[in-house]
Amino acid sequence: MKTRDRSARRHHAARRKARVERVLAHLLAGRQGRLRLCVKGVLADTPARCSCWMCANPRRIFGETTIQERRLFATTDDES
């Protein structure tokens, strides 16, 4: 497998930052000036900044099983 080089990482970082800028420009609808570069970088690197019970992983918060585990349990129940 080919490792990603610096140019690929920079390309994807710029792509994510551009997407953040487009989404926030749409959400804010011109109410705010241009975003600072560091803010775009933080939002591009960490899209889920919140860890509240609504945004967090349900497995960690509520102890729910993953879809993969549910499928496994369903197949083992069918075989029994």
PDB file of N, CA and C in Angstrom:
ATOM      1  N   MET A   1       0.833  -1.169   0.000  1.00  0.00           N
ATOM      2  CA  MET A   1       0.000   0.000   0.000  1.00  0.00           C
ATOM      3  C   MET A   1       0.884   1.240   0.000  1.00  0.00           C
ATOM      4  N   LYS A   2       0.555   2.181  -0.832  1.00  0.00           N
ATOM      5  CA  LYS A   2       1.359   3.381  -0.956  1.00  0.00           C
ATOM      6  C   LYS A   2       1.084   4.322   0.215  1.00  0.00           C
ATOM      7  N   THR A   3       2.141   4.823   0.813  1.00  0.00           N
ATOM      8  CA  THR A   3       1.963   5.776   1.901  1.00  0.00           C
ATOM      9  C   THR A   3       1.672   7.151   1.320  1.00  0.00           C
ATOM     10  N   ARG A   4       0.901   7.909   2.051  1.00  0.00           N
ATOM     11  CA  ARG A   4       0.572   9.246   1.578  1.00  0.00           C
ATOM     12  C   ARG A   4       1.751  10.169   1.813  1.00  0.00           C
ATOM     13  N   ASP A   5       2.079  10.932   0.821  1.00  0.00           N
ATOM     14  CA  ASP A   5       3.185  11.850   0.977  1.00  0.00           C
ATOM     15  C   ASP A   5       2.679  13.219   1.419  1.00  0.00           C
ATOM     16  N   ARG A   6       3.596  14.121   1.607  1.00  0.00           N
ATOM     17  CA  ARG A   6       3.264  15.436   2.133  1.00  0.00           C
ATOM     18  C   ARG A   6       2.293  16.181   1.228  1.00  0.00           C
ATOM     19  N   SER A   7       2.480  16.080  -0.064  1.00  0.00           N
ATOM     20  CA  SER A   7       1.595  16.803  -0.981  1.00  0.00           C
ATOM     21  C   SER A   7       0.157  16.291  -0.896  1.00  0.00           C
ATOM     22  N   ALA A   8      -0.017  14.997  -0.695  1.00  0.00           N
ATOM     23  CA  ALA A   8      -1.373  14.453  -0.560  1.00  0.00           C
ATOM     24  C   ALA A   8      -2.015  14.931   0.732  1.00  0.00           C
ATOM     25  N   ARG A   9      -1.248  14.946   1.815  1.00  0.00           N
ATOM     26  CA  ARG A   9      -1.788  15.446   3.085  1.00  0.00           C
ATOM     27  C   ARG A   9      -2.173  16.912   2.978  1.00  0.00           C
ATOM     28  N   ARG A  10      -1.336  17.709   2.328  1.00  0.00           N
ATOM     29  CA  ARG A  10      -1.653  19.129   2.155  1.00  0.00           C
ATOM     30  C   ARG A  10      -2.872  19.318   1.265  1.00  0.00           C
ATOM     31  N   HIS A  11      -2.979  18.522   0.235  1.00  0.00           N
ATOM     32  CA  HIS A  11      -4.134  18.602  -0.663  1.00  0.00           C
ATOM     33  C   HIS A  11      -5.421  18.309   0.096  1.00  0.00           C
ATOM     34  N   HIS A  12      -5.431  17.235   0.876  1.00  0.00           N
ATOM     35  CA  HIS A  12      -6.642  16.865   1.601  1.00  0.00           C
ATOM     36  C   HIS A  12      -6.963  17.866   2.709  1.00  0.00           C
ATOM     37  N   ALA A  13      -5.937  18.430   3.342  1.00  0.00           N
ATOM     38  CA  ALA A  13      -6.181  19.454   4.362  1.00  0.00           C
ATOM     39  C   ALA A  13      -6.810  20.686   3.724  1.00  0.00           C
ATOM     40  N   ALA A  14      -6.316  21.096   2.574  1.00  0.00           N
ATOM     41  CA  ALA A  14      -6.896  22.255   1.882  1.00  0.00           C
ATOM     42  C   ALA A  14      -8.319  21.959   1.433  1.00  0.00           C
ATOM     43  N   ARG A  15      -8.566  20.740   0.994  1.00  0.00           N
ATOM     44  CA  ARG A  15      -9.908  20.351   0.568  1.00  0.00           C
ATOM     45  C   ARG A  15     -10.885  20.389   1.743  1.00  0.00           C
ATOM     46  N   ARG A  16     -10.462  19.865   2.904  1.00  0.00           N
ATOM     47  CA  ARG A  16     -11.328  19.890   4.088  1.00  0.00           C
ATOM     48  C   ARG A  16     -11.587  21.310   4.560  1.00  0.00           C
ATOM     49  N   LYS A  17     -10.561  22.166   4.527  1.00  0.00           N
ATOM     50  CA  LYS A  17     -10.735  23.557   4.948  1.00  0.00           C
ATOM     51  C   LYS A  17     -11.683  24.294   4.011  1.00  0.00           C
ATOM     52  N   ALA A  18     -11.592  24.020   2.719  1.00  0.00           N
ATOM     53  CA  ALA A  18     -12.505  24.655   1.764  1.00  0.00           C
ATOM     54  C   ALA A  18     -13.935  24.200   2.011  1.00  0.00           C
ATOM     55  N   ARG A  19     -14.108  22.942   2.346  1.00  0.00           N
ATOM     56  CA  ARG A  19     -15.453  22.438   2.637  1.00  0.00           C
ATOM     57  C   ARG A  19     -16.019  23.092   3.892  1.00  0.00           C
ATOM     58  N   VAL A  20     -15.196  23.231   4.924  1.00  0.00           N
ATOM     59  CA  VAL A  20     -15.636  23.897   6.152  1.00  0.00           C
ATOM     60  C   VAL A  20     -16.057  25.323   5.842  1.00  0.00           C
ATOM     61  N   GLU A  21     -15.273  26.002   5.033  1.00  0.00           N
ATOM     62  CA  GLU A  21     -15.599  27.386   4.683  1.00  0.00           C
ATOM     63  C   GLU A  21     -16.916  27.467   3.912  1.00  0.00           C
ATOM     64  N   ARG A  22     -17.137  26.545   2.982  1.00  0.00           N
ATOM     65  CA  ARG A  22     -18.397  26.542   2.218  1.00  0.00           C
ATOM     66  C   ARG A  22     -19.590  26.268   3.117  1.00  0.00           C
ATOM     67  N   VAL A  23     -19.468  25.281   3.987  1.00  0.00           N
ATOM     68  CA  VAL A  23     -20.586  24.918   4.861  1.00  0.00           C
ATOM     69  C   VAL A  23     -20.915  26.052   5.814  1.00  0.00           C
ATOM     70  N   LEU A  24     -19.898  26.627   6.436  1.00  0.00           N
ATOM     71  CA  LEU A  24     -20.157  27.707   7.384  1.00  0.00           C
ATOM     72  C   LEU A  24     -20.650  28.969   6.690  1.00  0.00           C
ATOM     73  N   ALA A  25     -20.181  29.235   5.484  1.00  0.00           N
ATOM     74  CA  ALA A  25     -20.688  30.395   4.750  1.00  0.00           C
ATOM     75  C   ALA A  25     -22.166  30.215   4.455  1.00  0.00           C
ATOM     76  N   HIS A  26     -22.567  28.993   4.152  1.00  0.00           N
ATOM     77  CA  HIS A  26     -23.983  28.716   3.903  1.00  0.00           C
ATOM     78  C   HIS A  26     -24.789  28.838   5.191  1.00  0.00           C
ATOM     79  N   LEU A  27     -24.265  28.300   6.284  1.00  0.00           N
ATOM     80  CA  LEU A  27     -24.993  28.344   7.550  1.00  0.00           C
ATOM     81  C   LEU A  27     -25.081  29.755   8.118  1.00  0.00           C
ATOM     82  N   LEU A  28     -23.990  30.499   8.009  1.00  0.00           N
ATOM     83  CA  LEU A  28     -23.979  31.849   8.573  1.00  0.00           C
ATOM     84  C   LEU A  28     -24.610  32.868   7.637  1.00  0.00           C
ATOM     85  N   ALA A  29     -24.706  32.555   6.371  1.00  0.00           N
ATOM     86  CA  ALA A  29     -25.357  33.396   5.353  1.00  0.00           C
ATOM     87  C   ALA A  29     -24.810  34.820   5.362  1.00  0.00           C
ATOM     88  N   GLY A  30     -23.491  34.954   5.422  1.00  0.00           N
ATOM     89  CA  GLY A  30     -22.873  36.265   5.309  1.00  0.00           C
ATOM     90  C   GLY A  30     -22.964  37.130   6.550  1.00  0.00           C
ATOM     91  N   ARG A  31     -23.379  36.590   7.670  1.00  0.00           N
ATOM     92  CA  ARG A  31     -23.496  37.384   8.889  1.00  0.00           C
ATOM     93  C   ARG A  31     -22.154  37.632   9.550  1.00  0.00           C
ATOM     94  N   GLN A  32     -21.157  36.899   9.169  1.00  0.00           N
ATOM     95  CA  GLN A  32     -19.855  37.019   9.804  1.00  0.00           C
ATOM     96  C   GLN A  32     -18.802  37.153   8.715  1.00  0.00           C
ATOM     97  N   GLY A  33     -17.707  37.820   9.037  1.00  0.00           N
ATOM     98  CA  GLY A  33     -16.620  37.967   8.076  1.00  0.00           C
ATOM     99  C   GLY A  33     -15.954  36.633   7.789  1.00  0.00           C
ATOM    100  N   ARG A  34     -14.871  36.702   7.061  1.00  0.00           N
ATOM    101  CA  ARG A  34     -14.152  35.472   6.721  1.00  0.00           C
ATOM    102  C   ARG A  34     -13.599  34.816   7.981  1.00  0.00           C
ATOM    103  N   LEU A  35     -13.580  33.515   7.972  1.00  0.00           N
ATOM    104  CA  LEU A  35     -13.062  32.765   9.118  1.00  0.00           C
ATOM    105  C   LEU A  35     -11.546  32.880   9.178  1.00  0.00           C
ATOM    106  N   ARG A  36     -11.035  32.908  10.386  1.00  0.00           N
ATOM    107  CA  ARG A  36      -9.586  32.883  10.544  1.00  0.00           C
ATOM    108  C   ARG A  36      -9.080  31.515  10.106  1.00  0.00           C
ATOM    109  N   LEU A  37      -7.859  31.499   9.629  1.00  0.00           N
ATOM    110  CA  LEU A  37      -7.273  30.266   9.109  1.00  0.00           C
ATOM    111  C   LEU A  37      -7.185  29.195  10.193  1.00  0.00           C
ATOM    112  N   CYS A  38      -6.850  29.577  11.433  1.00  0.00           N
ATOM    113  CA  CYS A  38      -6.713  28.574  12.494  1.00  0.00           C
ATOM    114  C   CYS A  38      -8.071  27.968  12.843  1.00  0.00           C
ATOM    115  N   VAL A  39      -9.143  28.752  12.758  1.00  0.00           N
ATOM    116  CA  VAL A  39     -10.477  28.222  13.057  1.00  0.00           C
ATOM    117  C   VAL A  39     -10.878  27.201  12.001  1.00  0.00           C
ATOM    118  N   LYS A  40     -10.597  27.506  10.747  1.00  0.00           N
ATOM    119  CA  LYS A  40     -10.904  26.544   9.684  1.00  0.00           C
ATOM    120  C   LYS A  40     -10.120  25.259   9.877  1.00  0.00           C
ATOM    121  N   GLY A  41      -8.864  25.376  10.296  1.00  0.00           N
ATOM    122  CA  GLY A  41      -8.045  24.196  10.521  1.00  0.00           C
ATOM    123  C   GLY A  41      -8.573  23.331  11.643  1.00  0.00           C
ATOM    124  N   VAL A  42      -9.001  23.958  12.723  1.00  0.00           N
ATOM    125  CA  VAL A  42      -9.539  23.201  13.858  1.00  0.00           C
ATOM    126  C   VAL A  42     -10.825  22.501  13.456  1.00  0.00           C
ATOM    127  N   LEU A  43     -11.710  23.206  12.774  1.00  0.00           N
ATOM    128  CA  LEU A  43     -12.974  22.599  12.367  1.00  0.00           C
ATOM    129  C   LEU A  43     -12.779  21.511  11.322  1.00  0.00           C
ATOM    130  N   ALA A  44     -11.771  21.651  10.471  1.00  0.00           N
ATOM    131  CA  ALA A  44     -11.514  20.637   9.450  1.00  0.00           C
ATOM    132  C   ALA A  44     -10.902  19.379  10.063  1.00  0.00           C
ATOM    133  N   ASP A  45     -10.059  19.542  11.082  1.00  0.00           N
ATOM    134  CA  ASP A  45      -9.403  18.386  11.693  1.00  0.00           C
ATOM    135  C   ASP A  45     -10.308  17.658  12.670  1.00  0.00           C
ATOM    136  N   THR A  46     -11.179  18.383  13.345  1.00  0.00           N
ATOM    137  CA  THR A  46     -12.034  17.779  14.363  1.00  0.00           C
ATOM    138  C   THR A  46     -13.484  18.137  14.088  1.00  0.00           C
ATOM    139  N   PRO A  47     -14.148  17.430  13.185  1.00  0.00           N
ATOM    140  CA  PRO A  47     -15.527  17.782  12.846  1.00  0.00           C
ATOM    141  C   PRO A  47     -16.505  17.595  13.995  1.00  0.00           C
ATOM    142  N   ALA A  48     -16.243  16.675  14.913  1.00  0.00           N
ATOM    143  CA  ALA A  48     -17.135  16.464  16.053  1.00  0.00           C
ATOM    144  C   ALA A  48     -16.478  17.064  17.285  1.00  0.00           C
ATOM    145  N   ARG A  49     -16.667  18.355  17.493  1.00  0.00           N
ATOM    146  CA  ARG A  49     -16.003  19.040  18.595  1.00  0.00           C
ATOM    147  C   ARG A  49     -16.716  18.803  19.916  1.00  0.00           C
ATOM    148  N   CYS A  50     -17.946  18.366  19.874  1.00  0.00           N
ATOM    149  CA  CYS A  50     -18.744  18.218  21.081  1.00  0.00           C
ATOM    150  C   CYS A  50     -18.709  16.756  21.539  1.00  0.00           C
ATOM    151  N   SER A  51     -18.762  16.558  22.836  1.00  0.00           N
ATOM    152  CA  SER A  51     -18.812  15.194  23.356  1.00  0.00           C
ATOM    153  C   SER A  51     -20.029  14.997  24.249  1.00  0.00           C
ATOM    154  N   CYS A  52     -21.080  15.765  23.999  1.00  0.00           N
ATOM    155  CA  CYS A  52     -22.292  15.609  24.798  1.00  0.00           C
ATOM    156  C   CYS A  52     -22.975  14.287  24.439  1.00  0.00           C
ATOM    157  N   TRP A  53     -24.007  13.929  25.152  1.00  0.00           N
ATOM    158  CA  TRP A  53     -24.656  12.637  24.946  1.00  0.00           C
ATOM    159  C   TRP A  53     -25.347  12.551  23.588  1.00  0.00           C
ATOM    160  N   MET A  54     -25.688  13.706  22.989  1.00  0.00           N
ATOM    161  CA  MET A  54     -26.346  13.674  21.685  1.00  0.00           C
ATOM    162  C   MET A  54     -25.353  13.487  20.544  1.00  0.00           C
ATOM    163  N   CYS A  55     -24.128  13.984  20.723  1.00  0.00           N
ATOM    164  CA  CYS A  55     -23.130  13.929  19.652  1.00  0.00           C
ATOM    165  C   CYS A  55     -22.136  12.788  19.814  1.00  0.00           C
ATOM    166  N   ALA A  56     -22.030  12.236  20.994  1.00  0.00           N
ATOM    167  CA  ALA A  56     -20.994  11.247  21.274  1.00  0.00           C
ATOM    168  C   ALA A  56     -21.373   9.875  20.721  1.00  0.00           C
ATOM    169  N   ASN A  57     -20.455   8.952  20.875  1.00  0.00           N
ATOM    170  CA  ASN A  57     -20.640   7.585  20.423  1.00  0.00           C
ATOM    171  C   ASN A  57     -21.691   6.900  21.303  1.00  0.00           C
ATOM    172  N   PRO A  58     -22.803   6.403  20.740  1.00  0.00           N
ATOM    173  CA  PRO A  58     -23.834   5.771  21.556  1.00  0.00           C
ATOM    174  C   PRO A  58     -23.345   4.520  22.281  1.00  0.00           C
ATOM    175  N   ARG A  59     -22.364   3.856  21.726  1.00  0.00           N
ATOM    176  CA  ARG A  59     -21.821   2.668  22.391  1.00  0.00           C
ATOM    177  C   ARG A  59     -21.165   3.059  23.712  1.00  0.00           C
ATOM    178  N   ARG A  60     -20.465   4.162  23.709  1.00  0.00           N
ATOM    179  CA  ARG A  60     -19.771   4.604  24.915  1.00  0.00           C
ATOM    180  C   ARG A  60     -20.749   5.164  25.940  1.00  0.00           C
ATOM    181  N   ILE A  61     -21.752   5.899  25.497  1.00  0.00           N
ATOM    182  CA  ILE A  61     -22.669   6.567  26.418  1.00  0.00           C
ATOM    183  C   ILE A  61     -23.739   5.608  26.937  1.00  0.00           C
ATOM    184  N   PHE A  62     -24.414   4.912  26.033  1.00  0.00           N
ATOM    185  CA  PHE A  62     -25.562   4.095  26.413  1.00  0.00           C
ATOM    186  C   PHE A  62     -25.272   2.607  26.448  1.00  0.00           C
ATOM    187  N   GLY A  63     -24.074   2.193  26.035  1.00  0.00           N
ATOM    188  CA  GLY A  63     -23.734   0.782  26.022  1.00  0.00           C
ATOM    189  C   GLY A  63     -24.405   0.013  24.898  1.00  0.00           C
ATOM    190  N   GLU A  64     -24.816   0.711  23.835  1.00  0.00           N
ATOM    191  CA  GLU A  64     -25.468   0.035  22.710  1.00  0.00           C
ATOM    192  C   GLU A  64     -24.458  -0.797  21.934  1.00  0.00           C
ATOM    193  N   THR A  65     -24.950  -1.821  21.270  1.00  0.00           N
ATOM    194  CA  THR A  65     -24.078  -2.644  20.443  1.00  0.00           C
ATOM    195  C   THR A  65     -23.963  -2.030  19.058  1.00  0.00           C
ATOM    196  N   THR A  66     -22.872  -2.349  18.379  1.00  0.00           N
ATOM    197  CA  THR A  66     -22.680  -1.841  17.029  1.00  0.00           C
ATOM    198  C   THR A  66     -23.508  -2.665  16.048  1.00  0.00           C
ATOM    199  N   ILE A  67     -23.640  -2.162  14.845  1.00  0.00           N
ATOM    200  CA  ILE A  67     -24.383  -2.883  13.809  1.00  0.00           C
ATOM    201  C   ILE A  67     -23.707  -4.219  13.522  1.00  0.00           C
ATOM    202  N   GLN A  68     -22.375  -4.207  13.523  1.00  0.00           N
ATOM    203  CA  GLN A  68     -21.635  -5.443  13.271  1.00  0.00           C
ATOM    204  C   GLN A  68     -21.940  -6.483  14.351  1.00  0.00           C
ATOM    205  N   GLU A  69     -21.994  -6.060  15.593  1.00  0.00           N
ATOM    206  CA  GLU A  69     -22.314  -6.994  16.676  1.00  0.00           C
ATOM    207  C   GLU A  69     -23.753  -7.483  16.581  1.00  0.00           C
ATOM    208  N   ARG A  70     -24.674  -6.593  16.215  1.00  0.00           N
ATOM    209  CA  ARG A  70     -26.075  -7.011  16.068  1.00  0.00           C
ATOM    210  C   ARG A  70     -26.219  -8.062  14.977  1.00  0.00           C
ATOM    211  N   ARG A  71     -25.503  -7.873  13.871  1.00  0.00           N
ATOM    212  CA  ARG A  71     -25.550  -8.862  12.785  1.00  0.00           C
ATOM    213  C   ARG A  71     -24.977 -10.195  13.250  1.00  0.00           C
ATOM    214  N   LEU A  72     -23.881 -10.141  14.001  1.00  0.00           N
ATOM    215  CA  LEU A  72     -23.269 -11.365  14.507  1.00  0.00           C
ATOM    216  C   LEU A  72     -24.223 -12.098  15.442  1.00  0.00           C
ATOM    217  N   PHE A  73     -24.854 -11.363  16.344  1.00  0.00           N
ATOM    218  CA  PHE A  73     -25.803 -11.983  17.266  1.00  0.00           C
ATOM    219  C   PHE A  73     -27.006 -12.549  16.522  1.00  0.00           C
ATOM    220  N   ALA A  74     -27.444 -11.865  15.466  1.00  0.00           N
ATOM    221  CA  ALA A  74     -28.588 -12.349  14.689  1.00  0.00           C
ATOM    222  C   ALA A  74     -28.239 -13.650  13.970  1.00  0.00           C
ATOM    223  N   THR A  75     -27.025 -13.751  13.445  1.00  0.00           N
ATOM    224  CA  THR A  75     -26.642 -14.981  12.745  1.00  0.00           C
ATOM    225  C   THR A  75     -26.434 -16.126  13.727  1.00  0.00           C
ATOM    226  N   THR A  76     -25.903 -15.845  14.905  1.00  0.00           N
ATOM    227  CA  THR A  76     -25.710 -16.923  15.878  1.00  0.00           C
ATOM    228  C   THR A  76     -27.039 -17.378  16.463  1.00  0.00           C
ATOM    229  N   ASP A  77     -28.012 -16.472  16.591  1.00  0.00           N
ATOM    230  CA  ASP A  77     -29.338 -16.861  17.068  1.00  0.00           C
ATOM    231  C   ASP A  77     -30.056 -17.732  16.040  1.00  0.00           C
ATOM    232  N   ASP A  78     -29.860 -17.417  14.746  1.00  0.00           N
ATOM    233  CA  ASP A  78     -30.503 -18.195  13.690  1.00  0.00           C
ATOM    234  C   ASP A  78     -29.936 -19.608  13.615  1.00  0.00           C
ATOM    235  N   GLU A  79     -28.650 -19.755  13.896  1.00  0.00           N
ATOM    236  CA  GLU A  79     -28.017 -21.063  13.813  1.00  0.00           C
ATOM    237  C   GLU A  79     -28.402 -21.960  14.984  1.00  0.00           C
ATOM    238  N   SER A  80     -28.730 -21.392  16.102  1.00  0.00           N
ATOM    239  CA  SER A  80     -29.041 -22.192  17.300  1.00  0.00           C
ATOM    240  C   SER A  80     -30.384 -22.849  17.231  1.00  0.00           C
TER     241      SER A  80
END
